[in-house]
Protein backbone atom coordinates (compact mmCIF):
# COMPACT_ATOMS: atom_id res chain seq x y z
CA MET A 1 0.00 0.00 0.00
CA ARG A 2 1.17 3.51 -0.78
CA ILE A 3 1.43 6.18 1.91
CA ASP A 4 -1.17 8.39 0.22
CA GLN A 5 -3.59 5.45 0.01
CA ALA A 6 -3.12 4.74 3.70
CA THR A 7 -3.73 8.35 4.67
CA THR A 8 -6.94 8.39 2.62
CA ARG A 9 -8.25 5.30 4.44
CA PHE A 10 -7.21 6.73 7.82
CA LEU A 11 -9.03 10.01 7.17
CA ALA A 12 -12.18 8.13 6.16
CA ALA A 13 -11.98 6.14 9.40
CA VAL A 14 -11.56 9.12 11.71
CA GLU A 15 -14.36 11.02 9.98
CA HIS A 16 -16.98 8.31 9.59
CA GLU A 17 -16.10 5.65 12.20
CA TYR A 18 -14.49 7.54 15.06
CA GLY A 19 -16.63 10.68 14.85
CA TYR A 20 -13.78 13.17 15.05
CA SER A 21 -14.72 16.82 14.69
CA GLU A 22 -14.67 18.53 11.31
CA HIS A 23 -11.83 20.77 12.55
CA THR A 24 -9.68 17.78 13.60
CA VAL A 25 -10.26 15.92 10.33
CA ARG A 26 -9.35 19.04 8.37
CA ALA A 27 -6.10 19.44 10.35
CA TYR A 28 -5.23 15.74 9.89
CA ARG A 29 -5.88 16.04 6.15
CA ARG A 30 -3.53 19.02 5.78
CA ASP A 31 -0.78 17.40 7.81
CA LEU A 32 -0.91 14.02 6.08
CA ALA A 33 -1.10 15.56 2.60
CA ASP A 34 2.10 17.44 3.40
CA LEU A 35 3.69 14.25 4.78
CA ALA A 36 2.77 12.32 1.60
CA ASP A 37 4.28 15.09 -0.57
CA TYR A 38 7.47 15.04 1.51
CA ALA A 39 7.69 11.26 1.28
CA GLU A 40 7.17 11.27 -2.49
CA ALA A 41 9.89 13.91 -2.93
CA ALA A 42 12.18 11.65 -0.90
CA GLY A 43 11.30 8.66 -3.11
CA ALA A 44 9.50 6.91 -0.24
CA THR A 45 6.02 6.31 -1.56
CA GLU A 46 5.37 2.84 -0.12
CA LEU A 47 3.94 2.46 3.39
CA ALA A 48 6.89 0.33 4.47
CA ALA A 49 9.05 3.45 4.13
CA CYS A 50 6.84 5.42 6.54
CA ASP A 51 9.07 4.85 9.54
CA LEU A 52 10.36 6.90 12.45
CA GLU A 53 13.21 8.30 10.37
CA LEU A 54 10.88 9.56 7.65
CA MET A 55 8.57 11.17 10.20
CA ARG A 56 11.44 12.87 11.98
CA GLY A 57 12.73 14.14 8.66
CA TRP A 58 9.32 15.59 7.82
CA LEU A 59 9.08 17.33 11.20
CA TRP A 60 12.61 18.70 10.82
CA ASP A 61 11.72 20.05 7.38
CA ARG A 62 8.68 21.82 8.80
CA GLN A 63 10.70 23.23 11.66
CA GLN A 64 13.22 24.62 9.17
CA ARG A 65 10.32 26.31 7.38
CA GLY A 66 9.73 28.31 10.55
CA LEU A 67 6.48 26.73 11.68
CA ALA A 68 5.41 27.50 15.23
CA ALA A 69 5.95 25.04 18.07
CA THR A 70 2.19 24.72 18.49
CA THR A 71 1.85 23.67 14.84
CA LEU A 72 4.66 21.14 15.19
CA ALA A 73 3.02 19.73 18.32
CA ARG A 74 -0.18 19.24 16.33
CA ASN A 75 1.82 17.54 13.57
CA VAL A 76 3.23 15.09 16.12
CA ALA A 77 -0.28 14.38 17.41
CA THR A 78 -1.41 13.67 13.84
CA LEU A 79 1.47 11.25 13.28
CA LYS A 80 0.81 9.42 16.56
CA SER A 81 -2.87 8.99 15.70
CA PHE A 82 -2.03 7.84 12.16
CA GLY A 83 0.67 5.48 13.43
CA ALA A 84 -1.66 3.96 16.01
CA TRP A 85 -4.26 3.34 13.29
CA LEU A 86 -1.63 1.67 11.09
CA GLU A 87 -0.60 -0.58 13.97
CA ARG A 88 -4.17 -1.54 14.90
CA GLY A 89 -4.92 -2.43 11.30
CA GLY A 90 -1.84 -4.61 11.01
CA HIS A 91 -0.41 -2.44 8.22
CA VAL A 92 2.88 -2.00 10.10
CA PRO A 93 4.45 -4.07 12.90
CA GLY A 94 4.36 -1.18 15.39
CA ASN A 95 3.46 2.49 15.72
CA PRO A 96 6.31 4.31 13.92
CA ALA A 97 5.42 7.57 15.70
CA SER A 98 5.48 6.19 19.25
CA ARG A 99 8.93 7.66 20.00
CA LEU A 100 8.19 11.14 18.67
CA ARG A 101 8.16 13.96 21.22
CA SER A 102 6.22 17.19 20.90
CA PRO A 103 8.21 20.44 21.12
CA LYS A 104 7.45 22.60 24.13
CA ALA A 105 5.39 25.56 23.08
CA PRO A 106 5.82 28.87 24.91
CA ARG A 107 2.97 29.35 27.35
CA GLU A 108 0.76 32.18 26.14
CA LEU A 109 -2.27 33.34 28.06
CA PRO A 110 -5.44 33.72 25.98
CA ARG A 111 -6.82 37.13 25.13
CA VAL A 112 -9.61 38.11 27.50
CA LEU A 113 -11.90 41.10 27.10
CA ALA A 114 -12.67 43.42 29.99
CA ASP A 115 -16.23 43.60 31.31
CA GLU A 116 -16.83 46.95 29.65
CA GLN A 117 -15.53 45.68 26.31
CA ILE A 118 -17.88 42.70 26.12
CA THR A 119 -20.72 44.99 27.24
CA ARG A 120 -19.97 47.40 24.37
CA ILE A 121 -19.89 44.54 21.84
CA LEU A 122 -23.24 43.15 22.96
CA ASP A 123 -24.82 46.60 23.19
CA ARG A 124 -23.76 47.37 19.62
CA ALA A 125 -25.25 44.08 18.46
CA GLU A 126 -28.52 44.85 20.24
CA ARG A 127 -28.76 48.30 18.63
CA ARG A 128 -28.18 46.84 15.16
CA ALA A 129 -30.80 44.14 15.76
CA ALA A 130 -33.38 46.81 16.64
CA ASP A 131 -33.93 47.37 12.89
CA GLY A 132 -35.41 43.86 12.60
CA ASP A 133 -32.99 42.74 9.88
CA PRO A 134 -32.81 38.90 10.03
CA ALA A 135 -29.00 38.87 9.79
CA HIS A 136 -28.68 41.44 12.58
CA LEU A 137 -31.05 39.43 14.79
CA ARG A 138 -28.99 36.31 14.12
CA ASP A 139 -25.65 38.05 14.74
CA ARG A 140 -26.83 39.40 18.08
CA ALA A 141 -27.99 35.90 19.10
CA ILE A 142 -24.63 34.42 18.04
CA LEU A 143 -22.58 36.90 20.06
CA GLU A 144 -24.80 36.56 23.12
CA LEU A 145 -24.69 32.75 22.96
CA LEU A 146 -20.91 32.56 22.43
CA TYR A 147 -20.34 34.68 25.52
CA ALA A 148 -23.15 33.21 27.64
CA SER A 149 -22.32 29.55 27.07
CA ALA A 150 -18.63 29.63 26.04
CA LEU A 151 -19.26 27.47 22.98
CA ARG A 152 -16.63 26.58 20.43
CA VAL A 153 -17.38 28.05 17.01
CA SER A 154 -17.77 24.56 15.52
CA GLU A 155 -20.27 23.67 18.25
CA LEU A 156 -22.28 26.80 17.56
CA CYS A 157 -22.41 26.22 13.79
CA THR A 158 -23.51 22.58 14.17
CA LEU A 159 -25.99 23.24 16.99
CA PRO A 160 -29.35 21.81 15.86
CA LEU A 161 -32.59 23.68 16.34
CA SER A 162 -33.67 20.96 18.76
CA GLY A 163 -30.53 21.54 20.83
CA LEU A 164 -32.01 24.72 22.28
CA ASP A 165 -34.39 24.26 25.22
CA ARG A 166 -36.09 27.64 25.43
CA ARG A 167 -38.10 26.85 28.56
CA GLU A 168 -35.14 25.57 30.60
CA ARG A 169 -32.71 28.06 29.01
CA ILE A 170 -30.09 25.46 28.14
CA VAL A 171 -28.38 24.18 25.00
CA ARG A 172 -27.35 20.58 24.35
CA VAL A 173 -23.98 20.69 22.66
CA LEU A 174 -22.12 17.95 20.81
CA GLY A 175 -18.47 18.69 21.56
CA LYS A 176 -15.13 17.12 20.79
CA GLY A 177 -15.09 13.35 20.52
CA GLY A 178 -18.87 13.28 20.10
CA LYS A 179 -19.40 14.06 23.80
CA GLU A 180 -22.68 15.76 24.60
CA ARG A 181 -22.94 18.33 27.37
CA VAL A 182 -25.67 20.60 28.66
CA VAL A 183 -24.76 24.29 28.97
CA PRO A 184 -26.90 27.03 30.55
CA LEU A 185 -27.50 30.41 28.99
CA GLY A 186 -28.46 33.67 30.64
CA ALA A 187 -31.52 35.88 30.24
CA PRO A 188 -29.97 38.30 27.67
CA ALA A 189 -28.90 35.40 25.45
CA ALA A 190 -32.34 33.81 25.82
CA ARG A 191 -34.04 37.07 24.76
CA ALA A 192 -31.73 37.44 21.75
CA LEU A 193 -32.47 33.86 20.68
CA GLU A 194 -36.20 34.39 21.10
CA ASP A 195 -36.05 37.49 18.88
CA TYR A 196 -34.01 35.61 16.27
CA LEU A 197 -36.39 32.63 16.23
CA ALA A 198 -39.46 34.89 16.14
CA ALA A 199 -38.42 37.17 13.29
CA GLY A 200 -35.03 36.17 11.91
CA ARG A 201 -34.56 32.47 11.27
CA GLN A 202 -37.70 31.91 9.22
CA ALA A 203 -36.85 34.88 7.00
CA LEU A 204 -33.38 33.42 6.38
CA ALA A 205 -34.85 29.97 5.69
CA GLU A 206 -37.20 31.47 3.10
CA ARG A 207 -34.17 32.79 1.23
CA ALA A 208 -32.95 29.22 0.86
CA ALA A 209 -36.35 28.11 -0.36
CA GLU A 210 -36.37 30.87 -2.95
CA ARG A 211 -33.02 29.64 -4.21
CA GLY A 212 -34.19 26.04 -4.27
CA ALA A 213 -31.83 25.22 -1.41
CA GLU A 214 -34.20 23.65 1.10
CA ARG A 215 -31.63 20.96 1.90
CA ALA A 216 -29.03 23.59 2.73
CA ALA A 217 -31.41 25.04 5.34
CA GLY A 218 -31.99 21.59 6.75
CA ALA A 219 -35.52 21.10 5.44
CA GLY A 220 -36.24 17.57 4.29
CA SER A 221 -32.57 16.61 4.34
CA GLY A 222 -32.99 13.76 6.80
CA SER A 223 -30.80 15.55 9.36
CA GLU A 224 -31.81 17.97 12.07
CA PRO A 225 -32.12 21.57 10.88
CA PRO A 226 -29.45 23.88 12.29
CA LEU A 227 -30.29 26.65 14.74
CA PHE A 228 -28.27 29.27 12.87
CA LEU A 229 -28.54 29.92 9.15
CA GLY A 230 -26.32 31.92 6.83
CA ASN A 231 -27.33 35.02 4.89
CA ARG A 232 -28.51 32.88 1.96
CA GLY A 233 -30.45 30.53 4.18
CA GLY A 234 -27.93 27.69 4.13
CA LYS A 235 -25.88 26.33 6.98
CA LEU A 236 -23.91 28.98 8.85
CA THR A 237 -20.17 28.57 8.30
CA THR A 238 -17.38 28.97 10.85
CA ASN A 239 -15.76 31.55 8.56
CA ALA A 240 -18.87 33.72 8.75
CA VAL A 241 -18.74 33.65 12.56
CA TYR A 242 -15.01 34.47 12.49
CA ARG A 243 -15.72 37.51 10.33
CA LEU A 244 -18.53 38.65 12.61
CA VAL A 245 -16.43 38.43 15.78
CA ALA A 246 -13.33 39.91 14.10
CA ARG A 247 -15.32 43.00 13.06
CA GLU A 248 -16.37 43.51 16.66
CA LEU A 249 -12.94 42.94 18.18
CA GLU A 250 -11.34 45.35 15.71
CA GLN A 251 -13.31 48.10 17.43
CA GLU A 252 -11.94 47.22 20.86
CA PRO A 253 -8.50 48.17 22.23
CA GLY A 254 -5.94 45.45 22.80
CA GLY A 255 -3.98 43.07 20.63
CA GLY A 256 -4.13 39.33 20.16
CA PRO A 257 -6.49 36.93 18.41
CA ARG A 258 -9.75 38.23 16.97
CA GLY A 259 -11.68 35.01 16.54
CA PRO A 260 -14.69 33.54 18.37
CA HIS A 261 -12.43 31.70 20.81
CA THR A 262 -11.73 35.07 22.45
CA LEU A 263 -15.36 35.14 23.60
CA ARG A 264 -14.99 31.59 24.97
CA HIS A 265 -11.84 32.62 26.85
CA THR A 266 -13.60 35.72 28.14
CA ALA A 267 -16.63 33.79 29.37
CA ALA A 268 -14.47 31.24 31.22
CA THR A 269 -12.34 33.90 32.86
CA HIS A 270 -15.34 36.00 33.89
CA LEU A 271 -16.93 32.91 35.46
CA LEU A 272 -13.83 32.28 37.55
CA ASP A 273 -13.58 35.97 38.42
CA GLY A 274 -17.15 35.74 39.66
CA GLY A 275 -16.38 32.82 41.96
CA ALA A 276 -17.37 29.82 39.83
CA ASP A 277 -15.78 26.50 40.78
CA LEU A 278 -13.01 25.36 38.43
CA ARG A 279 -14.65 21.98 37.83
CA VAL A 280 -17.94 23.65 36.96
CA VAL A 281 -16.13 25.74 34.36
CA GLN A 282 -14.39 22.59 33.08
CA GLU A 283 -17.76 20.90 32.61
CA MET A 284 -19.21 23.96 30.89
CA LEU A 285 -16.28 24.22 28.47
CA GLY A 286 -16.29 20.51 27.72
CA HIS A 287 -12.63 20.02 28.66
CA SER A 288 -11.65 16.40 29.21
CA SER A 289 -8.73 17.47 31.40
CA LEU A 290 -8.79 19.95 34.28
CA ALA A 291 -5.33 21.11 33.17
CA SER A 292 -6.90 22.67 30.06
CA THR A 293 -9.21 24.74 32.25
CA GLN A 294 -6.54 25.80 34.73
CA VAL A 295 -5.05 28.25 32.23
CA TYR A 296 -7.96 30.55 33.08
CA THR A 297 -6.93 30.64 36.73
CA HIS A 298 -3.63 32.15 35.54
CA VAL A 299 -5.56 34.73 33.53
CA SER A 300 -7.68 35.59 36.58
CA THR A 301 -4.56 35.93 38.73
CA GLU A 302 -2.91 38.24 36.22
CA ARG A 303 -6.07 40.35 35.95
CA LEU A 304 -6.24 40.58 39.76
CA ALA A 305 -2.60 41.66 39.93
CA GLU A 306 -3.15 44.27 37.22
CA ARG A 307 -6.19 45.69 39.01
CA TYR A 308 -4.22 45.76 42.26
CA ARG A 309 -1.41 47.73 40.63
CA GLN A 310 -3.91 50.18 39.18
CA ALA A 311 -6.04 50.64 42.29
CA HIS A 312 -3.85 50.25 45.37
CA PRO A 313 -2.05 53.44 46.44
CA ARG A 314 1.04 51.50 47.56
CA ALA A 315 1.12 48.88 44.80
């Protein structure tokens, strides 16, 4: 078997059998396509040549290209997962990636918005939605929900209409690894969602019907219709949400990332600032490890220290 054939089978397995997220499958596909190109250039097209030496050579080549340590760490994770699949399937005698080590990435704290910044963002969204435009109603609901429930952008875009319990004010989210969790949402987010469902979503769905794209809006497709629809009535894309959040963050002071994850980081940090238990925040975020959640305690500590320096006369 050729390396490219093996990677194609592996990607089909992780997508359709293992239920990996769309984001993970996309990252695996990019990494393994690059690995296959590197192997072909080295004259190593057969799977038997996909050994530890080849993998180390590929990682070294990527490091020489100046890729970040976080990217290289993801590359190692891809190779380990691919190697484990090869071993389980009996394609190779052992996992060729088992001895690879991930580079240590510099610890960077996530960008977190101040209380007044997130208030300004949500107030602007509410003012825009006052005109009744379906897209403005949807955008306000998206921003409120991202901050209220700390969802990942992929979770928000795939959230089915049935995942929202309007009476209990909760959403049922399918997170990483196909794990479902129940996340609460506050009164402002609930009001924004009610407005969107009352006057926004149906108008967007009608655009899809006019274009003959009922399946794109989830009607009659055999799958659950999505809660959020795009401007043309089809499924809302992650890129559209990135653009929405980036436009808002551009108007706020401070550097750093401008994607939807900033609202997730902000929600988690504000919960801890408000006294929420770390394990409660872990459950809300859908982290499998408490260590992933603990980064927000560092953010809270730094914010406390900064406020102390600003406010205390003898700081």
